[in-house]
């Protein structure tokens, strides 16, 4: 994912690299090359979500101190079961939802220090387990992942989830409008919850749009990645691929 902001005649580029497991320098370089091929030169600077890891961590502690976040010990499977369904079955609270603030702070700092195993604990926002929007049923906002980060190295073993980090990064950079495709529409209430509860000001706001498709063409990155990883095509720039680098190699 990348987010671009044109402001004051400058074009800024920000890469989302909050998940160390799925980030690769190859993606960073190829996105930049594709944008420059289109004429979008990031003359305002290139930024990364990982540039703001410390600010995200401080925001998480702020939520804990205000009783709006807690450390949960449910496994991924248990958390899925506790969340209920979007077919009218409400979620039920985690057994650790009402931990004292000081205990949550202590546990979160110990998560940061690397005392706990991967996946054994998460930091969750305390919102509404009965909400019809699944994204508001106490979503995880931090998880433990021991993986080498392409920019941060091994400085962190906990990482913010995208839905938590995204609005914080937008606010820091002064983004006014975050434009997302329609599948993020039901994530907007969480985006706004983060902005409101961290008192990040009246901006930014998220708005969604319907992305265009090309008939009879595979457009899903997941399916395209499968073609690449299974060596069905020569790579992301295979001339048969509906990617910008594929079109460039095809001769456009």
Protein backbone atom coordinates (compact mmCIF):
# COMPACT_ATOMS: atom_id res chain seq x y z
CA UNK A 1 0.00 0.00 0.00
CA UNK A 2 1.12 3.53 -0.62
CA UNK A 3 -0.53 6.83 0.17
CA UNK A 4 0.21 9.94 -1.84
CA UNK A 5 -0.57 13.53 -0.91
CA UNK A 6 -0.34 16.47 -3.28
CA UNK A 7 -0.17 19.70 -1.28
CA UNK A 8 1.33 23.08 -2.04
CA UNK A 9 2.71 21.89 -5.38
CA UNK A 10 4.55 19.02 -3.67
CA UNK A 11 3.91 15.31 -4.08
CA UNK A 12 4.65 13.17 -1.03
CA UNK A 13 4.78 9.39 -1.02
CA UNK A 14 4.25 7.24 2.06
CA UNK A 15 4.65 3.49 2.16
CA UNK A 16 2.70 1.41 4.67
CA UNK A 17 5.21 -0.99 6.21
CA UNK A 18 3.55 -1.78 9.54
CA UNK A 19 3.67 -5.55 8.94
CA UNK A 20 7.32 -6.72 8.90
CA UNK A 21 6.37 -10.18 7.62
CA UNK A 22 4.89 -8.90 4.37
CA UNK A 23 7.17 -5.99 3.53
CA UNK A 24 9.92 -6.22 0.95
CA UNK A 25 12.28 -3.68 -0.55
CA UNK A 26 11.27 -5.03 -3.97
CA UNK A 27 7.74 -3.66 -3.51
CA UNK A 28 9.03 -0.29 -2.32
CA UNK A 29 11.33 0.13 -5.31
CA UNK A 30 8.79 -1.09 -7.86
CA UNK A 31 6.01 1.21 -6.61
CA UNK A 32 8.35 4.19 -6.78
CA UNK A 33 9.47 3.24 -10.30
CA UNK A 34 5.86 2.84 -11.46
CA UNK A 35 4.84 6.23 -10.09
CA UNK A 36 7.82 7.95 -11.66
CA UNK A 37 6.97 6.27 -14.99
CA UNK A 38 3.55 7.89 -14.71
CA UNK A 39 5.18 11.24 -14.05
CA UNK A 40 4.43 11.38 -10.32
CA UNK A 41 7.84 12.34 -8.93
CA UNK A 42 7.77 12.44 -5.08
CA UNK A 43 9.45 15.84 -4.87
CA UNK A 44 7.97 16.41 -1.42
CA UNK A 45 9.75 13.42 0.04
CA UNK A 46 9.37 9.68 0.61
CA UNK A 47 8.05 8.54 3.97
CA UNK A 48 7.31 5.22 5.65
CA UNK A 49 4.72 4.13 8.19
CA UNK A 50 7.58 2.74 10.26
CA UNK A 51 8.92 6.30 10.66
CA UNK A 52 6.08 6.80 13.15
CA UNK A 53 6.36 3.63 15.23
CA UNK A 54 7.37 5.58 18.34
CA UNK A 55 4.41 7.96 18.00
CA UNK A 56 2.05 5.01 17.49
CA UNK A 57 3.42 3.38 20.63
CA UNK A 58 2.90 6.56 22.63
CA UNK A 59 -0.66 6.83 21.32
CA UNK A 60 -1.31 3.26 22.43
CA UNK A 61 -0.08 4.05 25.95
CA UNK A 62 -2.33 7.10 26.00
CA UNK A 63 -5.37 4.93 25.23
CA UNK A 64 -4.36 2.51 27.99
CA UNK A 65 -3.99 5.30 30.55
CA UNK A 66 -7.47 6.55 29.65
CA UNK A 67 -9.00 3.09 30.01
CA UNK A 68 -9.66 2.77 26.27
CA UNK A 69 -7.31 -0.14 25.53
CA UNK A 70 -6.34 -3.35 27.29
CA UNK A 71 -3.96 -6.29 26.94
CA UNK A 72 -5.79 -9.46 25.95
CA UNK A 73 -4.53 -13.03 26.21
CA UNK A 74 -7.07 -14.72 23.95
CA UNK A 75 -5.59 -16.72 21.09
CA UNK A 76 -6.49 -15.78 17.53
CA UNK A 77 -9.05 -18.59 17.37
CA UNK A 78 -10.57 -17.63 20.73
CA UNK A 79 -10.73 -13.96 19.74
CA UNK A 80 -12.57 -14.90 16.55
CA UNK A 81 -15.06 -16.94 18.59
CA UNK A 82 -15.56 -14.15 21.13
CA UNK A 83 -16.20 -11.55 18.41
CA UNK A 84 -19.50 -13.14 17.37
CA UNK A 85 -20.68 -12.85 13.77
CA UNK A 86 -21.95 -10.17 11.43
CA UNK A 87 -25.19 -12.17 11.13
CA UNK A 88 -26.66 -10.79 14.34
CA UNK A 89 -24.63 -12.70 16.93
CA UNK A 90 -23.04 -10.09 19.24
CA UNK A 91 -19.57 -10.52 20.63
CA UNK A 92 -18.81 -11.28 24.25
CA UNK A 93 -16.19 -9.45 26.33
CA UNK A 94 -12.72 -10.86 26.79
CA UNK A 95 -11.99 -12.14 30.31
CA UNK A 96 -9.22 -9.52 30.41
CA UNK A 97 -11.33 -6.57 29.23
CA UNK A 98 -11.49 -4.96 32.67
CA UNK A 99 -7.87 -5.24 33.74
CA UNK A 100 -6.71 -2.26 35.86
CA UNK A 101 -4.95 0.49 33.93
CA UNK A 102 -1.62 0.00 35.69
CA UNK A 103 -1.65 -3.72 34.96
CA UNK A 104 -2.34 -3.05 31.28
CA UNK A 105 0.49 -0.51 31.12
CA UNK A 106 2.89 -2.95 32.76
CA UNK A 107 1.93 -5.79 30.41
CA UNK A 108 2.14 -3.61 27.30
CA UNK A 109 5.60 -2.39 28.27
CA UNK A 110 6.65 -5.99 28.85
CA UNK A 111 5.28 -6.85 25.41
CA UNK A 112 7.50 -4.08 24.06
CA UNK A 113 10.47 -5.50 25.99
CA UNK A 114 10.00 -8.91 24.38
CA UNK A 115 8.95 -10.89 27.45
CA UNK A 116 6.07 -12.74 25.77
CA UNK A 117 5.81 -15.19 22.88
CA UNK A 118 4.52 -14.19 19.47
CA UNK A 119 0.73 -14.19 19.36
CA UNK A 120 0.36 -14.75 23.10
CA UNK A 121 -0.99 -11.25 23.77
CA UNK A 122 -2.52 -8.37 21.85
CA UNK A 123 -3.43 -4.83 22.75
CA UNK A 124 -7.09 -4.23 21.94
CA UNK A 125 -9.10 -1.03 21.76
CA UNK A 126 -12.04 -1.06 24.18
CA UNK A 127 -14.98 0.00 22.03
CA UNK A 128 -18.23 -2.00 21.75
CA UNK A 129 -18.52 -5.79 21.62
CA UNK A 130 -22.20 -5.49 20.63
CA UNK A 131 -21.60 -3.16 17.69
CA UNK A 132 -23.12 -4.30 14.37
CA UNK A 133 -19.79 -3.29 12.81
CA UNK A 134 -17.32 -6.10 13.43
CA UNK A 135 -14.41 -3.66 13.20
CA UNK A 136 -15.58 -1.95 16.40
CA UNK A 137 -15.74 -5.11 18.50
CA UNK A 138 -12.59 -4.38 20.48
CA UNK A 139 -10.19 -4.66 17.52
CA UNK A 140 -6.56 -5.60 18.07
CA UNK A 141 -4.32 -2.57 17.61
CA UNK A 142 -0.93 -4.09 18.54
CA UNK A 143 0.45 -7.61 18.19
CA UNK A 144 3.71 -9.37 19.02
CA UNK A 145 5.72 -10.31 15.93
CA UNK A 146 9.40 -11.19 16.03
CA UNK A 147 10.45 -10.50 12.48
CA UNK A 148 13.24 -8.45 10.95
CA UNK A 149 11.87 -5.17 9.59
CA UNK A 150 13.34 -3.89 6.34
CA UNK A 151 13.87 -0.42 7.83
CA UNK A 152 13.69 -0.81 11.62
CA UNK A 153 15.71 -3.99 11.83
CA UNK A 154 15.05 -5.73 15.16
CA UNK A 155 14.27 -2.57 17.13
CA UNK A 156 10.64 -3.63 17.65
CA UNK A 157 8.95 -6.91 18.46
CA UNK A 158 5.45 -5.39 18.65
CA UNK A 159 3.80 -3.74 15.67
CA UNK A 160 0.67 -1.61 15.26
CA UNK A 161 -2.16 -2.92 13.12
CA UNK A 162 -2.81 -0.95 9.92
CA UNK A 163 -6.25 0.32 11.02
CA UNK A 164 -4.65 1.88 14.10
CA UNK A 165 -1.46 3.23 12.53
CA UNK A 166 -3.06 4.62 9.37
CA UNK A 167 -5.07 7.51 10.92
CA UNK A 168 -2.19 8.42 13.24
CA UNK A 169 0.21 8.66 10.31
CA UNK A 170 -2.30 10.73 8.33
CA UNK A 171 -2.73 13.15 11.23
CA UNK A 172 1.03 13.54 11.75
CA UNK A 173 1.55 14.35 8.07
CA UNK A 174 -1.39 16.75 7.90
CA UNK A 175 -3.39 14.66 5.45
CA UNK A 176 -6.89 16.13 5.04
CA UNK A 177 -8.57 13.31 3.08
CA UNK A 178 -7.65 9.65 3.00
CA UNK A 179 -9.15 8.12 -0.14
CA UNK A 180 -9.78 4.37 0.06
CA UNK A 181 -11.53 1.83 -2.13
CA UNK A 182 -14.96 0.63 -1.05
CA UNK A 183 -13.82 -2.43 0.90
CA UNK A 184 -12.57 -0.02 3.57
CA UNK A 185 -15.96 1.64 4.05
CA UNK A 186 -16.79 -0.37 7.17
CA UNK A 187 -13.32 0.46 8.55
CA UNK A 188 -14.11 4.18 8.54
CA UNK A 189 -15.80 4.19 12.00
CA UNK A 190 -12.59 2.75 13.50
CA UNK A 191 -10.49 5.34 11.65
CA UNK A 192 -12.68 8.06 13.13
CA UNK A 193 -12.63 6.45 16.60
CA UNK A 194 -8.83 6.59 16.63
CA UNK A 195 -8.80 10.23 15.50
CA UNK A 196 -11.45 11.26 18.04
CA UNK A 197 -10.07 9.37 21.03
CA UNK A 198 -6.48 10.47 20.49
CA UNK A 199 -7.67 14.07 19.97
CA UNK A 200 -5.83 14.35 16.67
CA UNK A 201 -7.94 17.28 15.48
CA UNK A 202 -10.81 17.67 13.00
CA UNK A 203 -8.70 16.21 10.18
CA UNK A 204 -8.04 13.82 8.57
CA UNK A 205 -11.19 12.15 7.27
CA UNK A 206 -11.57 8.97 5.26
CA UNK A 207 -13.70 8.72 2.15
CA UNK A 208 -14.24 5.73 -0.11
CA UNK A 209 -14.61 5.35 -3.85
CA UNK A 210 -15.48 2.53 -6.24
CA UNK A 211 -12.33 1.47 -8.04
CA UNK A 212 -12.43 0.83 -11.77
CA UNK A 213 -11.97 -2.65 -13.17
CA UNK A 214 -10.93 -3.92 -16.59
CA UNK A 215 -13.28 -6.50 -18.12
CA UNK A 216 -11.93 -10.04 -18.51
CA UNK A 217 -8.80 -9.15 -16.55
CA UNK A 218 -7.57 -10.46 -13.20
CA UNK A 219 -7.27 -7.39 -10.95
CA UNK A 220 -6.83 -8.97 -7.51
CA UNK A 221 -3.31 -8.57 -6.09
CA UNK A 222 -3.80 -11.84 -4.22
CA UNK A 223 -4.41 -13.77 -7.45
CA UNK A 224 -1.65 -11.94 -9.29
CA UNK A 225 0.79 -12.75 -6.48
CA UNK A 226 -0.17 -16.41 -6.80
CA UNK A 227 0.74 -16.31 -10.52
CA UNK A 228 4.13 -14.85 -9.63
CA UNK A 229 4.91 -17.13 -6.69
CA UNK A 230 3.96 -20.28 -8.62
CA UNK A 231 6.13 -19.17 -11.57
CA UNK A 232 3.15 -19.25 -13.93
CA UNK A 233 4.38 -15.88 -15.22
CA UNK A 234 7.93 -14.51 -15.38
CA UNK A 235 7.34 -11.95 -12.62
CA UNK A 236 5.37 -8.84 -11.79
CA UNK A 237 6.63 -7.24 -14.99
CA UNK A 238 5.58 -10.12 -17.24
CA UNK A 239 4.02 -8.42 -20.32
CA UNK A 240 0.86 -10.49 -19.78
CA UNK A 241 0.35 -9.03 -16.29
CA UNK A 242 -2.07 -6.08 -15.83
CA UNK A 243 0.52 -4.22 -13.78
CA UNK A 244 2.16 -0.90 -14.58
CA UNK A 245 5.59 -2.53 -14.86
CA UNK A 246 4.05 -5.24 -17.09
CA UNK A 247 2.53 -2.58 -19.35
CA UNK A 248 5.85 -0.75 -19.44
CA UNK A 249 7.68 -3.92 -20.47
CA UNK A 250 4.97 -4.60 -23.05
CA UNK A 251 5.94 -1.39 -24.78
CA UNK A 252 3.53 1.30 -23.62
